[in-house]
N, C-alpha and C. Protein backbone atom coordinates (compact mmCIF):
# COMPACT_ATOMS: atom_id res chain seq x y z
N UNK A 1 -11.85 8.77 63.03
CA UNK A 1 -11.72 7.54 62.28
C UNK A 1 -10.36 6.93 62.62
N UNK A 2 -10.38 5.68 63.01
CA UNK A 2 -9.12 5.08 63.40
C UNK A 2 -8.44 4.44 62.19
N UNK A 3 -7.23 4.01 62.41
CA UNK A 3 -6.40 3.45 61.36
C UNK A 3 -7.01 2.19 60.73
N UNK A 4 -7.65 1.36 61.52
CA UNK A 4 -8.26 0.12 61.05
C UNK A 4 -9.38 0.41 60.05
N UNK A 5 -10.25 1.39 60.36
CA UNK A 5 -11.33 1.76 59.43
C UNK A 5 -10.77 2.31 58.12
N UNK A 6 -9.74 3.11 58.21
CA UNK A 6 -9.10 3.68 57.02
C UNK A 6 -8.52 2.57 56.15
N UNK A 7 -7.89 1.58 56.78
CA UNK A 7 -7.31 0.47 56.06
C UNK A 7 -8.39 -0.37 55.36
N UNK A 8 -9.51 -0.60 56.02
CA UNK A 8 -10.63 -1.35 55.43
C UNK A 8 -11.20 -0.58 54.24
N UNK A 9 -11.39 0.71 54.37
CA UNK A 9 -11.91 1.53 53.27
C UNK A 9 -10.95 1.53 52.09
N UNK A 10 -9.67 1.64 52.36
CA UNK A 10 -8.67 1.63 51.30
C UNK A 10 -8.69 0.28 50.57
N UNK A 11 -8.76 -0.82 51.33
CA UNK A 11 -8.82 -2.16 50.73
C UNK A 11 -10.08 -2.35 49.89
N UNK A 12 -11.21 -1.87 50.38
CA UNK A 12 -12.47 -1.97 49.64
C UNK A 12 -12.40 -1.14 48.35
N UNK A 13 -11.79 0.01 48.42
CA UNK A 13 -11.64 0.87 47.23
C UNK A 13 -10.77 0.21 46.18
N UNK A 14 -9.67 -0.40 46.61
CA UNK A 14 -8.79 -1.09 45.68
C UNK A 14 -9.48 -2.30 45.04
N UNK A 15 -10.24 -3.02 45.85
CA UNK A 15 -10.99 -4.18 45.34
C UNK A 15 -12.02 -3.73 44.30
N UNK A 16 -12.72 -2.65 44.57
CA UNK A 16 -13.71 -2.11 43.64
C UNK A 16 -13.04 -1.68 42.34
N UNK A 17 -11.89 -1.03 42.43
CA UNK A 17 -11.15 -0.61 41.26
C UNK A 17 -10.72 -1.81 40.42
N UNK A 18 -10.26 -2.88 41.07
CA UNK A 18 -9.84 -4.08 40.36
C UNK A 18 -11.01 -4.73 39.63
N UNK A 19 -12.17 -4.80 40.29
CA UNK A 19 -13.36 -5.39 39.67
C UNK A 19 -13.78 -4.57 38.45
N UNK A 20 -13.80 -3.26 38.57
CA UNK A 20 -14.17 -2.39 37.44
C UNK A 20 -13.19 -2.56 36.29
N UNK A 21 -11.90 -2.61 36.60
CA UNK A 21 -10.87 -2.77 35.58
C UNK A 21 -11.03 -4.09 34.83
N UNK A 22 -11.24 -5.18 35.56
CA UNK A 22 -11.41 -6.48 34.91
C UNK A 22 -12.68 -6.54 34.08
N UNK A 23 -13.73 -5.91 34.55
CA UNK A 23 -14.99 -5.87 33.80
C UNK A 23 -14.81 -5.12 32.49
N UNK A 24 -14.17 -3.97 32.54
CA UNK A 24 -13.94 -3.18 31.33
C UNK A 24 -13.03 -3.91 30.35
N UNK A 25 -12.00 -4.54 30.87
CA UNK A 25 -11.08 -5.29 30.00
C UNK A 25 -11.80 -6.44 29.31
N UNK A 26 -12.62 -7.15 30.04
CA UNK A 26 -13.40 -8.26 29.48
C UNK A 26 -14.36 -7.75 28.40
N UNK A 27 -15.02 -6.64 28.66
CA UNK A 27 -15.94 -6.06 27.68
C UNK A 27 -15.19 -5.65 26.42
N UNK A 28 -14.05 -5.00 26.58
CA UNK A 28 -13.26 -4.53 25.43
C UNK A 28 -12.83 -5.71 24.57
N UNK A 29 -12.35 -6.78 25.17
CA UNK A 29 -11.90 -7.95 24.40
C UNK A 29 -13.06 -8.58 23.64
N UNK A 30 -14.23 -8.60 24.22
CA UNK A 30 -15.39 -9.18 23.56
C UNK A 30 -15.82 -8.35 22.36
N UNK A 31 -15.58 -7.06 22.39
CA UNK A 31 -16.03 -6.17 21.32
C UNK A 31 -15.10 -6.17 20.11
N UNK A 32 -13.89 -6.68 20.25
CA UNK A 32 -12.92 -6.65 19.16
C UNK A 32 -13.03 -7.90 18.30
N UNK A 33 -13.39 -7.74 17.00
CA UNK A 33 -13.46 -8.91 16.13
C UNK A 33 -12.06 -9.45 15.85
N UNK A 34 -11.96 -10.75 15.68
CA UNK A 34 -10.69 -11.39 15.40
C UNK A 34 -10.80 -12.12 14.07
N UNK A 35 -9.87 -11.85 13.18
CA UNK A 35 -9.85 -12.51 11.88
C UNK A 35 -9.02 -13.79 12.02
N UNK A 36 -9.65 -14.94 11.79
CA UNK A 36 -9.01 -16.21 12.06
C UNK A 36 -8.40 -16.88 10.84
N UNK A 37 -8.76 -16.48 9.63
CA UNK A 37 -8.34 -17.23 8.46
C UNK A 37 -7.45 -16.41 7.53
N UNK A 38 -6.27 -16.04 8.02
CA UNK A 38 -5.34 -15.25 7.22
C UNK A 38 -4.87 -16.01 6.00
N UNK A 39 -4.76 -17.34 6.10
CA UNK A 39 -4.33 -18.15 4.97
C UNK A 39 -5.29 -17.99 3.79
N UNK A 40 -6.58 -17.96 4.09
CA UNK A 40 -7.59 -17.80 3.04
C UNK A 40 -7.44 -16.44 2.35
N UNK A 41 -7.15 -15.41 3.13
CA UNK A 41 -6.97 -14.07 2.57
C UNK A 41 -5.74 -14.02 1.66
N UNK A 42 -4.63 -14.57 2.11
CA UNK A 42 -3.41 -14.59 1.30
C UNK A 42 -3.62 -15.40 0.03
N UNK A 43 -4.29 -16.53 0.15
CA UNK A 43 -4.58 -17.36 -1.02
C UNK A 43 -5.45 -16.61 -2.02
N UNK A 44 -6.42 -15.87 -1.54
CA UNK A 44 -7.29 -15.08 -2.41
C UNK A 44 -6.50 -13.98 -3.12
N UNK A 45 -5.62 -13.31 -2.40
CA UNK A 45 -4.79 -12.27 -3.03
C UNK A 45 -3.89 -12.85 -4.11
N UNK A 46 -3.29 -14.00 -3.84
CA UNK A 46 -2.43 -14.65 -4.84
C UNK A 46 -3.23 -15.09 -6.06
N UNK A 47 -4.40 -15.69 -5.83
CA UNK A 47 -5.23 -16.16 -6.95
C UNK A 47 -5.71 -14.98 -7.80
N UNK A 48 -6.12 -13.90 -7.15
CA UNK A 48 -6.56 -12.71 -7.88
C UNK A 48 -5.43 -12.18 -8.75
N UNK A 49 -4.24 -12.06 -8.17
CA UNK A 49 -3.08 -11.54 -8.92
C UNK A 49 -2.72 -12.47 -10.07
N UNK A 50 -2.69 -13.78 -9.82
CA UNK A 50 -2.38 -14.77 -10.85
C UNK A 50 -3.38 -14.69 -12.00
N UNK A 51 -4.66 -14.63 -11.67
CA UNK A 51 -5.69 -14.58 -12.71
C UNK A 51 -5.62 -13.29 -13.52
N UNK A 52 -5.28 -12.20 -12.89
CA UNK A 52 -5.11 -10.95 -13.63
C UNK A 52 -3.99 -11.11 -14.65
N UNK A 53 -2.89 -11.73 -14.24
CA UNK A 53 -1.75 -11.94 -15.13
C UNK A 53 -2.10 -12.89 -16.26
N UNK A 54 -2.76 -14.01 -15.93
CA UNK A 54 -3.12 -15.02 -16.94
C UNK A 54 -4.04 -14.44 -18.01
N UNK A 55 -4.96 -13.58 -17.60
CA UNK A 55 -5.92 -12.99 -18.54
C UNK A 55 -5.38 -11.74 -19.22
N UNK A 56 -4.10 -11.45 -19.05
CA UNK A 56 -3.46 -10.34 -19.74
C UNK A 56 -3.83 -8.98 -19.21
N UNK A 57 -4.43 -8.94 -18.06
CA UNK A 57 -4.77 -7.65 -17.45
C UNK A 57 -3.59 -7.21 -16.60
N UNK A 58 -3.36 -5.95 -16.58
CA UNK A 58 -2.29 -5.45 -15.72
C UNK A 58 -2.68 -5.60 -14.26
N UNK A 59 -1.73 -5.87 -13.44
CA UNK A 59 -1.99 -6.00 -12.02
C UNK A 59 -2.21 -4.60 -11.45
N UNK A 60 -3.36 -4.38 -10.82
CA UNK A 60 -3.62 -3.04 -10.27
C UNK A 60 -2.63 -2.73 -9.15
N UNK A 61 -2.40 -1.45 -8.90
CA UNK A 61 -1.45 -1.08 -7.85
C UNK A 61 -1.98 -1.42 -6.47
N UNK A 62 -3.32 -1.50 -6.35
CA UNK A 62 -3.92 -1.90 -5.08
C UNK A 62 -5.07 -2.87 -5.34
N UNK A 63 -5.34 -3.71 -4.35
CA UNK A 63 -6.47 -4.64 -4.40
C UNK A 63 -7.25 -4.44 -3.11
N UNK A 64 -8.53 -4.15 -3.26
CA UNK A 64 -9.34 -3.95 -2.05
C UNK A 64 -9.99 -5.27 -1.64
N UNK A 65 -10.35 -5.34 -0.39
CA UNK A 65 -11.05 -6.52 0.11
C UNK A 65 -12.37 -6.68 -0.65
N UNK A 66 -13.01 -5.56 -0.97
CA UNK A 66 -14.25 -5.58 -1.74
C UNK A 66 -14.03 -6.19 -3.13
N UNK A 67 -12.86 -5.90 -3.75
CA UNK A 67 -12.54 -6.50 -5.06
C UNK A 67 -12.51 -8.02 -4.96
N UNK A 68 -11.91 -8.53 -3.89
CA UNK A 68 -11.79 -9.98 -3.72
C UNK A 68 -13.14 -10.63 -3.50
N UNK A 69 -14.02 -9.95 -2.78
CA UNK A 69 -15.37 -10.49 -2.54
C UNK A 69 -16.19 -10.41 -3.82
N UNK A 70 -16.16 -9.27 -4.49
CA UNK A 70 -16.93 -9.08 -5.72
C UNK A 70 -16.53 -10.08 -6.80
N UNK A 71 -15.22 -10.37 -6.90
CA UNK A 71 -14.73 -11.30 -7.91
C UNK A 71 -14.91 -12.77 -7.50
N UNK A 72 -15.37 -13.02 -6.29
CA UNK A 72 -15.66 -14.37 -5.85
C UNK A 72 -14.49 -15.12 -5.21
N UNK A 73 -13.40 -14.44 -4.95
CA UNK A 73 -12.26 -15.10 -4.32
C UNK A 73 -12.49 -15.30 -2.81
N UNK A 74 -13.33 -14.46 -2.23
CA UNK A 74 -13.73 -14.58 -0.83
C UNK A 74 -15.24 -14.38 -0.75
N UNK A 75 -15.85 -14.99 0.23
CA UNK A 75 -17.29 -14.76 0.44
C UNK A 75 -17.46 -13.66 1.49
N UNK A 76 -18.61 -13.02 1.52
CA UNK A 76 -18.85 -12.01 2.56
C UNK A 76 -18.69 -12.57 3.97
N UNK A 77 -19.01 -13.84 4.16
CA UNK A 77 -18.86 -14.47 5.47
C UNK A 77 -17.39 -14.60 5.86
N UNK A 78 -16.52 -14.78 4.85
CA UNK A 78 -15.08 -14.92 5.11
C UNK A 78 -14.49 -13.66 5.74
N UNK A 79 -15.08 -12.53 5.41
CA UNK A 79 -14.49 -11.25 5.84
C UNK A 79 -15.45 -10.42 6.69
N UNK A 80 -16.39 -11.05 7.34
CA UNK A 80 -17.39 -10.30 8.11
C UNK A 80 -16.75 -9.52 9.26
N UNK A 81 -15.57 -9.95 9.73
CA UNK A 81 -14.88 -9.21 10.79
C UNK A 81 -14.48 -7.81 10.34
N UNK A 82 -14.42 -7.60 9.02
CA UNK A 82 -14.01 -6.32 8.47
C UNK A 82 -15.19 -5.47 8.02
N UNK A 83 -16.41 -5.84 8.40
CA UNK A 83 -17.58 -5.05 8.00
C UNK A 83 -17.40 -3.59 8.40
N UNK A 84 -17.63 -2.70 7.45
CA UNK A 84 -17.51 -1.27 7.72
C UNK A 84 -16.10 -0.74 7.57
N UNK A 85 -15.12 -1.61 7.31
CA UNK A 85 -13.72 -1.20 7.16
C UNK A 85 -13.35 -1.32 5.69
N UNK A 86 -12.81 -0.25 5.13
CA UNK A 86 -12.31 -0.29 3.76
C UNK A 86 -10.85 -0.72 3.82
N UNK A 87 -10.57 -1.94 3.40
CA UNK A 87 -9.23 -2.51 3.49
C UNK A 87 -8.64 -2.65 2.10
N UNK A 88 -7.43 -2.12 1.91
CA UNK A 88 -6.77 -2.13 0.61
C UNK A 88 -5.34 -2.64 0.76
N UNK A 89 -4.93 -3.52 -0.15
CA UNK A 89 -3.59 -4.09 -0.14
C UNK A 89 -2.80 -3.52 -1.31
N UNK A 90 -1.53 -3.20 -1.07
CA UNK A 90 -0.67 -2.64 -2.10
C UNK A 90 0.09 -3.74 -2.81
N UNK A 91 0.33 -3.56 -4.10
CA UNK A 91 1.12 -4.51 -4.88
C UNK A 91 2.51 -3.98 -5.18
N UNK A 92 2.93 -2.94 -4.50
CA UNK A 92 4.23 -2.33 -4.76
C UNK A 92 5.35 -3.26 -4.33
N UNK A 93 6.40 -3.26 -5.14
CA UNK A 93 7.57 -4.09 -4.83
C UNK A 93 8.45 -3.39 -3.80
N UNK A 94 9.03 -4.17 -2.93
CA UNK A 94 9.92 -3.66 -1.90
C UNK A 94 11.29 -4.30 -2.11
N UNK A 95 12.34 -3.49 -2.09
CA UNK A 95 13.68 -4.02 -2.19
C UNK A 95 14.20 -4.19 -0.77
N UNK A 96 14.10 -5.41 -0.24
CA UNK A 96 14.48 -5.65 1.15
C UNK A 96 15.99 -5.59 1.35
N UNK A 97 16.77 -5.81 0.29
CA UNK A 97 18.23 -5.77 0.43
C UNK A 97 18.72 -4.37 0.76
N UNK A 98 18.06 -3.36 0.19
CA UNK A 98 18.50 -1.97 0.43
C UNK A 98 17.57 -1.24 1.37
N UNK A 99 16.52 -1.92 1.83
CA UNK A 99 15.51 -1.31 2.70
C UNK A 99 14.78 -0.18 1.98
N UNK A 100 14.88 -0.19 0.66
CA UNK A 100 14.20 0.83 -0.15
C UNK A 100 12.70 0.60 -0.07
N UNK A 101 11.96 1.63 0.22
CA UNK A 101 10.52 1.54 0.32
C UNK A 101 10.03 1.08 1.67
N UNK A 102 10.87 1.15 2.70
CA UNK A 102 10.48 0.68 4.05
C UNK A 102 9.31 1.48 4.60
N UNK A 103 9.12 2.70 4.15
CA UNK A 103 8.02 3.53 4.62
C UNK A 103 6.82 3.46 3.68
N UNK A 104 6.85 2.53 2.76
CA UNK A 104 5.77 2.36 1.80
C UNK A 104 4.57 1.69 2.46
N UNK A 105 3.37 2.16 2.13
CA UNK A 105 2.15 1.59 2.69
C UNK A 105 1.85 0.25 2.00
N UNK A 106 1.72 -0.80 2.82
CA UNK A 106 1.41 -2.12 2.29
C UNK A 106 -0.08 -2.45 2.44
N UNK A 107 -0.66 -2.05 3.58
CA UNK A 107 -2.10 -2.25 3.81
C UNK A 107 -2.66 -0.95 4.35
N UNK A 108 -3.78 -0.55 3.80
CA UNK A 108 -4.45 0.71 4.15
C UNK A 108 -5.84 0.36 4.65
N UNK A 109 -6.21 0.86 5.82
CA UNK A 109 -7.53 0.55 6.38
C UNK A 109 -8.22 1.83 6.84
N UNK A 110 -9.42 2.07 6.30
CA UNK A 110 -10.25 3.18 6.76
C UNK A 110 -11.33 2.58 7.65
N UNK A 111 -11.29 2.95 8.94
CA UNK A 111 -12.23 2.42 9.93
C UNK A 111 -13.57 3.14 9.85
N UNK A 112 -14.62 2.56 10.40
CA UNK A 112 -15.94 3.18 10.32
C UNK A 112 -16.00 4.61 10.87
N UNK A 113 -15.16 4.95 11.84
CA UNK A 113 -15.18 6.30 12.40
C UNK A 113 -14.35 7.29 11.58
N UNK A 114 -13.78 6.83 10.45
CA UNK A 114 -13.00 7.70 9.58
C UNK A 114 -11.51 7.63 9.84
N UNK A 115 -11.10 6.99 10.90
CA UNK A 115 -9.68 6.84 11.19
C UNK A 115 -9.03 6.00 10.10
N UNK A 116 -7.82 6.38 9.69
CA UNK A 116 -7.10 5.63 8.67
C UNK A 116 -5.81 5.09 9.28
N UNK A 117 -5.63 3.78 9.16
CA UNK A 117 -4.42 3.12 9.63
C UNK A 117 -3.67 2.58 8.44
N UNK A 118 -2.33 2.59 8.52
CA UNK A 118 -1.51 2.07 7.43
C UNK A 118 -0.45 1.15 8.00
N UNK A 119 -0.34 -0.05 7.42
CA UNK A 119 0.75 -0.96 7.76
C UNK A 119 1.85 -0.68 6.76
N UNK A 120 3.01 -0.28 7.25
CA UNK A 120 4.12 0.05 6.38
C UNK A 120 4.99 -1.18 6.12
N UNK A 121 5.81 -1.09 5.08
CA UNK A 121 6.65 -2.21 4.69
C UNK A 121 7.66 -2.59 5.78
N UNK A 122 7.99 -1.66 6.66
CA UNK A 122 8.93 -1.98 7.74
C UNK A 122 8.24 -2.68 8.92
N UNK A 123 6.92 -2.91 8.80
CA UNK A 123 6.18 -3.62 9.84
C UNK A 123 5.50 -2.73 10.85
N UNK A 124 5.73 -1.44 10.77
CA UNK A 124 5.10 -0.52 11.71
C UNK A 124 3.68 -0.16 11.25
N UNK A 125 2.86 0.23 12.20
CA UNK A 125 1.50 0.67 11.90
C UNK A 125 1.41 2.15 12.27
N UNK A 126 0.91 2.94 11.35
CA UNK A 126 0.80 4.39 11.56
C UNK A 126 -0.66 4.82 11.40
N UNK A 127 -1.05 5.78 12.21
CA UNK A 127 -2.36 6.38 12.00
C UNK A 127 -2.15 7.57 11.07
N UNK A 128 -2.93 7.62 10.01
CA UNK A 128 -2.81 8.67 9.00
C UNK A 128 -3.90 9.69 9.28
N UNK A 129 -3.61 10.95 9.03
CA UNK A 129 -4.62 11.99 9.25
C UNK A 129 -5.83 11.73 8.39
N UNK A 130 -7.02 12.04 8.94
CA UNK A 130 -8.27 11.84 8.21
C UNK A 130 -8.34 12.74 7.01
């Protein structure tokens, strides 16, 4: 086998690898749901909290996405990207001046496969043991 044939085979192999990589990347991006209306979610959380206060109910330590849908603050269509995910928001106060509570869980998500992710007050995301 001469050098020219080896070079052609190497080029063809690299081209095939690039095509496979782009195909897989495209497939992966298509499979990931994207939540587009964060403003609606924040508004629902605020309204839920305000209404709890107005009606003399104590504010729960956590609010689940299911609570917001059940109470009518969001429709099932608003949160369809989260189907199968148990999403919970924390109402814990954070003292940003002292960085107290920086490791506190602000959002807790249990994925359909049982994986648990937590968004901490410092902005980091951690995977929690199942």
